[in-house]
Amino acid sequence: MNLKEKLQNLPSVPGVYLMQDISGKIIYIGKATSLKKRVTSHFYPRAEQSMKNAIMLSQIAKIDYIVTKSETEALLLESKLIKRYQPRYNILWRDDKSYPHLILTLNEDFPRLLLVRKREGKEKNVRYFGPYTEVGQVRKTLRFLQRIFPLRLCKYSLTKDKSLPEKKVRSCLYYHIKQCSAPCLQEISQEKYQEIVNKVTLFLEGKHEELLNHLEKQMHQLAKGFAFEEAKKIRDTISTIKNMSERIDLREIKEADLMKKIKLTRGLSELKKILSLPKVPLHIEAFDVSNIFGNQAVGSLVVFEKGEPNKNLYRRYKIKAVPPNRRDDYAMIREILSRRYKRILEEREKLPDLILIDGGKGHLTTAVETLNSLHLPPPCHRFSGVSERGLRKLPVIALAKEKEEIYLPTEALAKAGLPTRNEPLTLPANSPALQLLQRIRDEAHRFALSYHKLLRKKEKFEK
C-alpha cells in the first residue's frame, strides 16, 4: 500500500499517527480528533508552510496510526510516544518541564501523591506518572483519588515509629472530612497505609480491572466477617471507580504493545482496501454455529471494535427453528442473522461496518439472502445501509477454514447491489488483514463451542 492509498484508508476517528522515513525511523508523531482529516491536511499545499515541514514531508515514506477512544486519550498517548521515541520534528515536545506529572514519594514511610511541573530525575524511590497534557485533568484526578484513597497531603516528616503531637493536626481539614488516613496520629499502620498506596499505583498504571477485582474480594471478606460498614465503604469505592466519567490511562508503553496496535490498524486499513469498503471497518460482527449431529445446536456473535474484542457485546443463540436431529448450518446461519438484525432494525441500533461469517460460499450466499430479506419497520428508512429492499449495502464476507479463503458476494447476488467476485480471495499468510479476520473468526468459533459444551454438560447433568 503506497502513501496515497494509506491516506485514503485512514479512519475518521481520534488517534495518534506516526510518520516514518525510508529506514523505518519515526520522524514525527501527531494526534488527531479525526485521523483522516488531520493526516491528509499535512499534504495540502500551503503558502505559509515552513521549510521544516516541507523537508519533513519529503522524507515521509510510511504512516502508521493507533486508534484511541477519545481526543484526551490521543493527547496522552502522543505525549508518551514522543517522550519514548524522540522524533526529529517534534521539537515542541522535547522539553517536558512545563508538562505536569504525578509522583508517589515512595522514599517516605507514608508516601504522598503530588503534582509536579518538572521531573527532576534525582530523587531515589520516587515513582513518576505522566507527563500529562492538561493540568486541569490531573487536578481532577488528584481530587478523585483523594476522596477514595486517603493518602496524606501534609509535608510533615513521618516515620512508622514517630507521630506528631495531636494538637498539630486536629485542625487539619482533610482529617476531619475523612480524606486523610491520619498516619500522623497513628490512626493507621504502615502496612495498612501501604495497601492504600498499592491501590493508587494500580489505578495510575491503568490496571483498573485488577484494582476492582482486588476491592471486590476485600469487600466479600469483610462481609463474611460481618464488618458490613467497612464492606459498604469498599462497595461505594467500587461504584465510584466504575462510574467515573473519564479515566486516565497511564500504562507503560511497551514496544510489543505498540507494534500490536499498529498491526491491528494496518489490518483494518488493508480490509478497507481489498474489500472496497466505504470506510475502515472499526465495528466488525462475526457469526459461527456449533452442533454435533444437530444436537444442542447453537450460534455465536462476537464483536470487535477497533480491532479488539468487546465482550460486553457478545451474544449466544440457542437454535430454535432447526429440528434437534437435523444438521443444517445454512438454516442456523439464517436464524441467528435474522434474530440479530431484526432486533437491530427494530431498536434503530448502529449497524456494523463489516459482517464476517465462519464458512464458505454457501454460508455467504445464505447470509446475504437473509440480510437482503430484512426490512426496517415503518415509517423510516433513514440510517446507513438500510432501504426498503433490506440490508443490501451491508458488507458481508465469509472465511473458510481449510484454505483460509475469503468469499465475497458472487455475480448471482449482483442485483442486490453488492460487489461480485467469481473466485475466493486468497491473501498471504503474513497479511495483517487475513490475520485479523482469522483472529475474529477463531474467537467466534471458540465462543460458539464454549456455549455448545455448556449446554451438553447441562443436558448430561439433568439426565
Protein backbone atom coordinates (compact mmCIF):
# COMPACT_ATOMS: atom_id res chain seq x y z
CA MET A 1 0.00 0.00 0.00
CA ASN A 2 1.60 3.28 -1.11
CA LEU A 3 1.40 6.55 0.81
CA LYS A 4 -1.53 7.87 -1.23
CA GLU A 5 -3.57 4.72 -0.60
CA LYS A 6 -2.66 4.89 3.09
CA LEU A 7 -4.17 8.36 3.32
CA GLN A 8 -7.37 7.17 1.63
CA ASN A 9 -7.70 4.29 4.09
CA LEU A 10 -7.44 6.29 7.31
CA PRO A 11 -10.49 6.29 9.62
CA SER A 12 -12.27 9.45 10.73
CA VAL A 13 -11.80 8.76 14.45
CA PRO A 14 -9.49 10.04 17.23
CA GLY A 15 -5.99 8.65 17.34
CA VAL A 16 -2.24 9.12 17.00
CA TYR A 17 -0.27 8.90 13.77
CA LEU A 18 3.40 8.01 13.34
CA MET A 19 5.31 9.22 10.27
CA GLN A 20 8.40 7.22 9.30
CA ASP A 21 11.26 7.73 6.86
CA ILE A 22 12.52 5.17 4.35
CA SER A 23 14.63 3.41 7.02
CA GLY A 24 11.58 2.93 9.27
CA LYS A 25 12.65 5.54 11.83
CA ILE A 26 9.83 7.57 13.35
CA ILE A 27 10.37 11.24 12.45
CA TYR A 28 7.07 12.77 13.57
CA ILE A 29 4.19 11.83 15.89
CA GLY A 30 0.89 13.70 15.96
CA LYS A 31 -2.57 13.46 17.49
CA ALA A 32 -5.94 13.95 15.82
CA THR A 33 -9.62 14.23 16.52
CA SER A 34 -10.10 12.78 13.03
CA LEU A 35 -7.08 10.86 11.74
CA LYS A 36 -8.20 11.11 8.11
CA LYS A 37 -8.63 14.91 8.16
CA ARG A 38 -5.55 15.68 10.23
CA VAL A 39 -3.05 13.48 8.40
CA THR A 40 -4.36 14.47 4.99
CA SER A 41 -4.06 18.16 5.94
CA HIS A 42 -0.27 17.79 6.18
CA PHE A 43 -0.16 17.22 2.44
CA TYR A 44 -2.34 20.14 1.39
CA PRO A 45 -0.17 22.78 -0.34
CA ARG A 46 0.03 25.86 1.90
CA ALA A 47 1.77 29.12 1.15
CA GLU A 48 2.77 29.54 4.79
CA GLN A 49 4.26 26.07 5.07
CA SER A 50 7.60 26.24 6.88
CA MET A 51 10.85 24.90 5.49
CA LYS A 52 10.93 22.36 8.33
CA ASN A 53 7.52 20.97 7.35
CA ALA A 54 8.44 20.88 3.67
CA ILE A 55 11.62 18.90 4.45
CA MET A 56 9.74 16.57 6.79
CA LEU A 57 7.07 15.81 4.19
CA SER A 58 9.71 14.99 1.60
CA GLN A 59 11.16 12.36 3.96
CA ILE A 60 7.92 10.54 4.81
CA ALA A 61 7.84 7.03 3.39
CA LYS A 62 5.26 5.41 5.65
CA ILE A 63 2.43 6.39 8.00
CA ASP A 64 1.03 4.20 10.77
CA TYR A 65 -1.69 5.08 13.23
CA ILE A 66 -3.22 3.95 16.52
CA VAL A 67 -6.93 4.43 17.17
CA THR A 68 -7.91 5.81 20.60
CA LYS A 69 -11.20 6.08 22.47
CA SER A 70 -11.14 9.87 22.74
CA GLU A 71 -9.19 13.01 21.93
CA THR A 72 -7.93 13.14 25.53
CA GLU A 73 -6.52 9.63 25.25
CA ALA A 74 -4.88 10.62 21.95
CA LEU A 75 -3.21 13.58 23.70
CA LEU A 76 -1.80 11.37 26.43
CA LEU A 77 -0.63 8.68 24.02
CA GLU A 78 1.01 11.25 21.75
CA SER A 79 2.93 12.68 24.68
CA LYS A 80 4.15 9.29 25.88
CA LEU A 81 5.19 8.15 22.39
CA ILE A 82 7.10 11.36 21.73
CA LYS A 83 8.97 11.00 25.01
CA ARG A 84 9.81 7.42 24.15
CA TYR A 85 10.91 7.81 20.51
CA GLN A 86 12.11 11.45 20.42
CA PRO A 87 11.10 12.09 16.77
CA ARG A 88 13.29 14.61 15.00
CA TYR A 89 10.48 17.01 14.08
CA ASN A 90 8.60 17.04 17.40
CA ILE A 91 10.73 19.87 18.77
CA LEU A 92 7.98 21.40 20.90
CA TRP A 93 7.56 18.22 22.94
CA ARG A 94 11.22 17.57 23.72
CA ASP A 95 11.33 19.87 26.73
CA ASP A 96 8.86 18.42 29.22
CA LYS A 97 9.44 20.86 32.07
CA SER A 98 6.06 22.57 31.55
CA TYR A 99 4.00 19.38 31.48
CA PRO A 100 2.59 18.08 34.77
CA HIS A 101 3.45 14.74 36.32
CA LEU A 102 2.09 12.86 39.30
CA ILE A 103 4.63 11.44 41.74
CA LEU A 104 4.39 8.97 44.59
CA THR A 105 7.01 9.72 47.24
CA LEU A 106 7.94 6.10 47.89
CA ASN A 107 11.08 7.28 49.69
CA GLU A 108 8.85 8.15 52.65
CA ASP A 109 7.40 5.67 55.16
CA PHE A 110 3.98 7.19 54.46
CA PRO A 111 4.09 8.23 50.77
CA ARG A 112 2.22 11.22 49.31
CA LEU A 113 0.74 11.71 45.83
CA LEU A 114 1.78 15.08 44.43
CA LEU A 115 1.51 17.13 41.25
CA VAL A 116 4.83 18.49 39.93
CA ARG A 117 5.73 20.57 36.89
CA LYS A 118 9.26 19.36 36.39
CA ARG A 119 10.72 15.88 36.50
CA GLU A 120 13.97 16.17 38.39
CA GLY A 121 15.16 12.61 37.95
CA LYS A 122 17.43 12.91 41.01
CA GLU A 123 15.19 11.58 43.77
CA LYS A 124 15.53 7.92 44.67
CA ASN A 125 12.46 5.75 45.23
CA VAL A 126 10.07 8.28 43.71
CA ARG A 127 7.56 6.96 41.17
CA TYR A 128 6.61 9.28 38.31
CA PHE A 129 3.40 9.04 36.24
CA GLY A 130 2.85 11.07 33.10
CA PRO A 131 3.59 13.51 31.57
CA TYR A 132 0.06 14.85 31.06
CA THR A 133 -1.13 17.44 28.60
CA GLU A 134 -3.87 19.06 30.68
CA VAL A 135 -3.17 20.18 34.23
CA GLY A 136 -6.91 20.56 34.89
CA GLN A 137 -7.42 16.85 34.20
CA VAL A 138 -4.55 16.00 36.55
CA ARG A 139 -6.00 18.08 39.38
CA LYS A 140 -9.39 16.44 38.81
CA THR A 141 -7.76 13.02 39.07
CA LEU A 142 -5.96 14.01 42.25
CA ARG A 143 -9.20 15.14 43.88
CA PHE A 144 -10.92 11.95 42.80
CA LEU A 145 -8.16 9.75 44.22
CA GLN A 146 -8.05 11.72 47.47
CA ARG A 147 -11.77 11.04 48.03
CA ILE A 148 -11.48 7.27 47.72
CA PHE A 149 -7.85 6.59 48.69
CA PRO A 150 -7.00 8.91 51.64
CA LEU A 151 -3.25 9.45 51.33
CA ARG A 152 -1.81 12.22 53.46
CA LEU A 153 -1.25 15.65 51.92
CA CYS A 154 0.84 17.28 54.65
CA LYS A 155 4.58 17.87 54.40
CA TYR A 156 5.38 16.56 57.88
CA SER A 157 8.30 14.19 58.17
CA LEU A 158 6.73 10.97 59.41
CA THR A 159 8.19 7.58 60.12
CA LYS A 160 6.46 4.38 61.21
CA ASP A 161 7.82 4.87 64.74
CA LYS A 162 7.10 8.57 65.05
CA SER A 163 3.90 10.59 65.21
CA LEU A 164 3.18 14.28 65.74
CA PRO A 165 1.59 15.97 68.73
CA GLU A 166 -2.17 15.71 68.48
CA LYS A 167 -2.63 19.49 68.71
CA LYS A 168 -0.80 19.99 65.42
CA VAL A 169 -3.25 18.01 63.36
CA ARG A 170 -6.63 18.40 64.97
CA SER A 171 -7.31 21.43 62.75
CA CYS A 172 -6.44 19.53 59.55
CA LEU A 173 -9.49 19.78 57.30
CA TYR A 174 -8.66 16.61 55.37
CA TYR A 175 -8.51 14.64 58.61
CA HIS A 176 -11.92 15.90 59.69
CA ILE A 177 -13.62 15.21 56.34
CA LYS A 178 -12.04 11.72 56.23
CA GLN A 179 -9.84 12.38 53.21
CA CYS A 180 -6.68 11.62 55.16
CA SER A 181 -5.98 8.36 56.99
CA ALA A 182 -4.01 10.34 59.66
CA PRO A 183 -0.74 8.43 59.99
CA CYS A 184 0.47 11.46 61.98
CA LEU A 185 -1.90 10.38 64.78
CA GLN A 186 -1.05 6.70 64.30
CA GLU A 187 -4.63 6.12 63.16
CA ILE A 188 -3.28 3.71 60.53
CA SER A 189 -0.33 1.31 60.49
CA GLN A 190 2.36 1.49 57.84
CA GLU A 191 1.21 -1.87 56.44
CA LYS A 192 -2.40 -0.67 56.04
CA TYR A 193 -1.20 2.62 54.59
CA GLN A 194 0.93 0.72 52.05
CA GLU A 195 -2.20 -1.12 50.92
CA ILE A 196 -3.71 2.26 50.01
CA VAL A 197 -0.53 3.20 48.14
CA ASN A 198 -0.70 -0.08 46.18
CA LYS A 199 -4.29 0.64 45.13
CA VAL A 200 -3.38 4.14 43.96
CA THR A 201 -0.49 2.65 41.96
CA LEU A 202 -2.79 0.14 40.25
CA PHE A 203 -5.16 2.95 39.28
CA LEU A 204 -2.41 5.19 37.88
CA GLU A 205 -0.93 2.26 35.94
CA GLY A 206 -4.29 1.83 34.22
CA LYS A 207 -4.90 -1.58 35.83
CA HIS A 208 -8.49 -0.78 36.70
CA GLU A 209 -9.86 -4.30 36.34
CA GLU A 210 -7.16 -5.68 38.63
CA LEU A 211 -7.92 -2.97 41.17
CA LEU A 212 -11.67 -3.62 41.04
CA ASN A 213 -11.16 -7.38 41.45
CA HIS A 214 -8.95 -6.75 44.48
CA LEU A 215 -11.53 -4.43 46.05
CA GLU A 216 -14.38 -6.86 45.41
CA LYS A 217 -12.50 -9.71 47.13
CA GLN A 218 -11.79 -7.42 50.07
CA MET A 219 -15.46 -6.41 50.25
CA HIS A 220 -16.66 -10.04 50.30
CA GLN A 221 -14.14 -10.97 53.01
CA LEU A 222 -15.36 -8.11 55.19
CA ALA A 223 -18.99 -9.06 54.63
CA LYS A 224 -18.27 -12.66 55.62
CA GLY A 225 -16.72 -11.34 58.83
CA PHE A 226 -19.87 -9.25 59.46
CA ALA A 227 -17.90 -6.00 59.01
CA PHE A 228 -20.77 -4.57 57.00
CA GLU A 229 -19.89 -0.89 57.50
CA GLU A 230 -16.39 -1.38 56.08
CA ALA A 231 -17.74 -3.57 53.28
CA LYS A 232 -20.22 -0.81 52.35
CA LYS A 233 -17.37 1.74 52.11
CA ILE A 234 -15.49 -0.50 49.69
CA ARG A 235 -18.68 -1.11 47.70
CA ASP A 236 -19.09 2.64 47.34
CA THR A 237 -15.45 2.94 46.24
CA ILE A 238 -16.00 0.27 43.56
CA SER A 239 -19.11 2.08 42.33
CA THR A 240 -17.25 5.41 42.21
CA ILE A 241 -14.43 3.95 40.11
CA LYS A 242 -16.84 2.21 37.72
CA ASN A 243 -18.92 5.34 37.25
CA MET A 244 -16.04 7.73 36.82
CA SER A 245 -16.66 9.76 33.67
CA GLU A 246 -13.11 9.60 32.37
CA ARG A 247 -10.16 7.56 33.50
CA ILE A 248 -6.55 8.42 32.86
CA ASP A 249 -4.68 5.51 31.37
CA LEU A 250 -1.01 5.58 32.33
CA ARG A 251 0.09 2.10 31.41
CA GLU A 252 3.69 1.93 30.26
CA ILE A 253 4.10 1.74 26.50
CA LYS A 254 5.98 -1.41 25.55
CA GLU A 255 7.44 -2.00 22.12
CA ALA A 256 5.44 -5.22 21.66
CA ASP A 257 2.18 -3.49 22.62
CA LEU A 258 2.84 -0.63 20.22
CA MET A 259 3.61 -2.96 17.32
CA LYS A 260 0.49 -4.98 18.09
CA LYS A 261 -1.71 -1.87 17.92
CA ILE A 262 -0.05 -0.75 14.69
CA LYS A 263 -0.51 -4.20 13.16
CA LEU A 264 -4.21 -4.10 14.04
CA THR A 265 -4.74 -0.75 12.34
CA ARG A 266 -2.76 -1.92 9.30
CA GLY A 267 -5.12 -4.87 9.08
CA LEU A 268 -8.18 -2.64 9.30
CA SER A 269 -6.89 -0.31 6.58
CA GLU A 270 -5.99 -3.28 4.38
CA LEU A 271 -9.51 -4.69 4.79
CA LYS A 272 -10.99 -1.40 3.61
CA LYS A 273 -8.86 -1.51 0.51
CA ILE A 274 -9.16 -5.16 -0.54
CA LEU A 275 -12.89 -5.36 0.19
CA SER A 276 -13.65 -1.93 -1.35
CA LEU A 277 -15.44 -0.86 1.81
CA PRO A 278 -16.79 2.68 2.13
CA LYS A 279 -14.84 3.18 5.39
CA VAL A 280 -12.37 1.46 7.70
CA PRO A 281 -14.29 -1.40 9.41
CA LEU A 282 -13.92 -0.32 13.04
CA HIS A 283 -17.02 -2.30 14.07
CA ILE A 284 -16.96 -5.93 12.89
CA GLU A 285 -19.52 -8.59 13.83
CA ALA A 286 -18.73 -12.28 13.30
CA PHE A 287 -21.01 -15.36 13.45
CA ASP A 288 -20.45 -19.08 13.85
CA VAL A 289 -22.60 -22.13 14.59
CA SER A 290 -21.76 -25.26 16.57
CA ASN A 291 -23.51 -28.65 16.76
CA ILE A 292 -22.79 -32.37 16.73
CA PHE A 293 -25.27 -34.25 14.51
CA GLY A 294 -27.78 -31.48 15.20
CA ASN A 295 -27.63 -31.99 18.95
CA GLN A 296 -27.72 -28.82 21.10
CA ALA A 297 -27.22 -26.55 18.08
CA VAL A 298 -26.06 -23.05 18.99
CA GLY A 299 -24.84 -19.88 17.34
CA SER A 300 -22.48 -17.15 18.46
CA LEU A 301 -21.91 -13.48 17.76
CA VAL A 302 -18.64 -11.75 18.64
CA VAL A 303 -17.99 -8.05 18.17
CA PHE A 304 -14.61 -6.45 17.50
CA GLU A 305 -14.26 -2.69 17.82
CA LYS A 306 -11.12 -1.00 16.51
CA GLY A 307 -9.53 -4.43 16.10
CA GLU A 308 -10.14 -5.52 19.71
CA PRO A 309 -12.89 -7.77 21.14
CA ASN A 310 -15.74 -6.08 23.01
CA LYS A 311 -17.03 -8.96 25.12
CA ASN A 312 -19.86 -6.87 26.53
CA LEU A 313 -21.48 -7.07 23.09
CA TYR A 314 -21.04 -10.83 22.58
CA ARG A 315 -24.26 -12.82 22.18
CA ARG A 316 -25.15 -16.55 22.33
CA TYR A 317 -28.04 -18.12 20.43
CA LYS A 318 -29.77 -21.42 21.11
CA ILE A 319 -31.11 -22.60 17.76
CA LYS A 320 -34.90 -22.85 17.81
CA ALA A 321 -36.09 -23.29 14.21
CA VAL A 322 -33.92 -26.30 13.23
CA PRO A 323 -35.12 -29.74 14.47
CA PRO A 324 -32.74 -31.32 17.06
CA ASN A 325 -31.91 -34.32 14.83
CA ARG A 326 -31.11 -32.22 11.76
CA ARG A 327 -27.77 -30.66 10.94
CA ASP A 328 -28.32 -27.64 8.72
CA ASP A 329 -25.65 -24.92 9.01
CA TYR A 330 -27.38 -22.73 6.43
CA ALA A 331 -30.69 -22.76 8.31
CA MET A 332 -28.87 -21.94 11.55
CA ILE A 333 -26.99 -19.05 9.94
CA ARG A 334 -30.30 -17.79 8.58
CA GLU A 335 -31.87 -17.96 12.05
CA ILE A 336 -29.15 -16.20 14.06
CA LEU A 337 -28.70 -13.42 11.47
CA SER A 338 -32.46 -12.86 11.34
CA ARG A 339 -32.70 -12.68 15.13
CA ARG A 340 -29.73 -10.36 15.41
CA TYR A 341 -30.58 -7.84 12.70
CA LYS A 342 -34.34 -7.79 13.19
CA ARG A 343 -33.64 -6.53 16.69
CA ILE A 344 -31.02 -4.07 15.40
CA LEU A 345 -33.54 -2.67 12.93
CA GLU A 346 -36.40 -2.52 15.42
CA GLU A 347 -34.32 -0.73 18.04
CA ARG A 348 -32.56 1.53 15.50
CA GLU A 349 -29.12 0.47 16.73
CA LYS A 350 -25.89 1.09 14.87
CA LEU A 351 -25.12 -1.32 12.05
CA PRO A 352 -21.66 -2.95 11.75
CA ASP A 353 -19.09 -1.84 9.20
CA LEU A 354 -18.48 -5.48 8.23
CA ILE A 355 -20.07 -8.89 8.90
CA LEU A 356 -17.86 -12.00 8.93
CA ILE A 357 -19.32 -15.50 8.57
CA ASP A 358 -17.34 -18.60 9.51
CA GLY A 359 -17.79 -20.75 6.40
CA GLY A 360 -17.63 -20.85 2.64
CA LYS A 361 -19.57 -19.80 -0.42
CA GLY A 362 -22.85 -21.39 0.64
CA HIS A 363 -22.72 -19.78 4.08
CA LEU A 364 -22.08 -16.40 2.47
CA THR A 365 -24.96 -16.77 -0.01
CA THR A 366 -27.31 -17.67 2.84
CA ALA A 367 -26.12 -14.69 4.88
CA VAL A 368 -26.56 -12.20 2.04
CA GLU A 369 -30.01 -13.52 1.13
CA THR A 370 -31.05 -13.34 4.80
CA LEU A 371 -29.84 -9.78 5.23
CA ASN A 372 -31.46 -8.70 1.98
CA SER A 373 -34.80 -10.06 3.16
CA LEU A 374 -34.84 -7.94 6.32
CA HIS A 375 -36.57 -4.58 6.30
CA LEU A 376 -36.67 -1.59 8.56
CA PRO A 377 -40.10 -1.27 10.15
CA PRO A 378 -42.06 1.79 9.01
CA PRO A 379 -42.14 4.71 9.00
CA CYS A 380 -38.47 5.49 8.27
CA HIS A 381 -35.52 4.08 6.36
CA ARG A 382 -33.09 6.78 7.24
CA PHE A 383 -29.89 5.27 8.50
CA SER A 384 -26.94 3.96 6.54
CA GLY A 385 -27.18 0.59 4.81
CA VAL A 386 -30.95 0.24 5.18
CA SER A 387 -33.54 0.59 2.48
CA GLU A 388 -36.97 -0.75 1.59
CA ARG A 389 -35.15 -3.63 -0.13
CA GLY A 390 -33.33 -4.71 3.03
CA LEU A 391 -29.77 -4.54 4.29
CA ARG A 392 -28.40 -4.83 0.79
CA LYS A 393 -25.48 -2.44 1.28
CA LEU A 394 -24.23 -4.05 4.48
CA PRO A 395 -20.76 -5.53 3.71
CA VAL A 396 -20.58 -9.27 4.42
CA ILE A 397 -17.87 -11.87 3.73
CA ALA A 398 -17.09 -15.47 4.70
CA LEU A 399 -13.77 -17.02 5.72
CA ALA A 400 -13.34 -20.76 5.08
CA LYS A 401 -11.04 -22.64 7.46
CA GLU A 402 -9.47 -25.24 5.18
CA LYS A 403 -7.62 -22.95 2.76
CA GLU A 404 -8.28 -19.63 4.56
CA GLU A 405 -10.12 -18.33 1.51
CA ILE A 406 -12.22 -15.18 1.71
CA TYR A 407 -15.54 -15.39 -0.11
CA LEU A 408 -17.21 -12.22 -1.30
CA PRO A 409 -20.74 -11.99 -2.75
CA THR A 410 -20.93 -13.59 -6.21
CA GLU A 411 -22.39 -12.46 -9.51
CA ALA A 412 -25.65 -14.18 -8.69
CA LEU A 413 -26.13 -11.57 -5.98
CA ALA A 414 -25.07 -8.56 -8.06
CA LYS A 415 -28.67 -7.49 -8.43
CA ALA A 416 -28.63 -6.80 -4.67
CA GLY A 417 -26.06 -4.06 -5.33
CA LEU A 418 -23.13 -5.98 -3.81
CA PRO A 419 -19.61 -6.29 -5.33
CA THR A 420 -19.04 -9.50 -7.26
CA ARG A 421 -16.14 -11.94 -7.44
CA ASN A 422 -16.04 -15.31 -9.22
CA GLU A 423 -13.16 -16.77 -7.21
CA PRO A 424 -12.41 -16.57 -3.50
CA LEU A 425 -9.80 -14.09 -2.36
CA THR A 426 -6.55 -15.55 -1.06
CA LEU A 427 -4.19 -13.38 0.97
CA PRO A 428 -0.60 -14.11 2.03
CA ALA A 429 -0.22 -15.74 5.45
CA ASN A 430 1.55 -12.63 6.77
CA SER A 431 -1.22 -10.27 5.66
CA PRO A 432 -2.40 -8.13 8.61
CA ALA A 433 -5.93 -8.21 7.16
CA LEU A 434 -6.02 -12.01 6.96
CA GLN A 435 -4.55 -12.40 10.43
CA LEU A 436 -7.17 -10.05 11.86
CA LEU A 437 -10.00 -11.96 10.14
CA GLN A 438 -8.58 -15.26 11.39
CA ARG A 439 -8.45 -13.94 14.93
CA ILE A 440 -12.07 -12.75 14.78
CA ARG A 441 -13.28 -15.98 13.11
CA ASP A 442 -11.47 -18.14 15.67
CA GLU A 443 -12.95 -16.12 18.53
CA ALA A 444 -16.47 -16.61 17.13
CA HIS A 445 -15.77 -20.36 16.86
CA ARG A 446 -14.40 -20.52 20.42
CA PHE A 447 -17.40 -18.67 21.82
CA ALA A 448 -19.91 -20.90 19.99
CA LEU A 449 -18.08 -24.07 21.07
CA SER A 450 -17.95 -22.97 24.70
CA TYR A 451 -21.73 -22.45 24.73
CA HIS A 452 -22.29 -25.79 22.97
CA LYS A 453 -20.18 -27.59 25.61
CA LEU A 454 -22.04 -25.81 28.39
CA LEU A 455 -25.43 -26.98 27.10
CA ARG A 456 -24.20 -30.55 26.59
CA LYS A 457 -22.84 -30.59 30.13
CA LYS A 458 -26.14 -29.27 31.46
CA GLU A 459 -28.06 -31.87 29.44
CA LYS A 460 -25.89 -34.67 30.80
CA PHE A 461 -26.32 -33.42 34.37
CA GLU A 462 -30.12 -33.29 34.03
CA LYS A 463 -30.21 -36.88 32.81
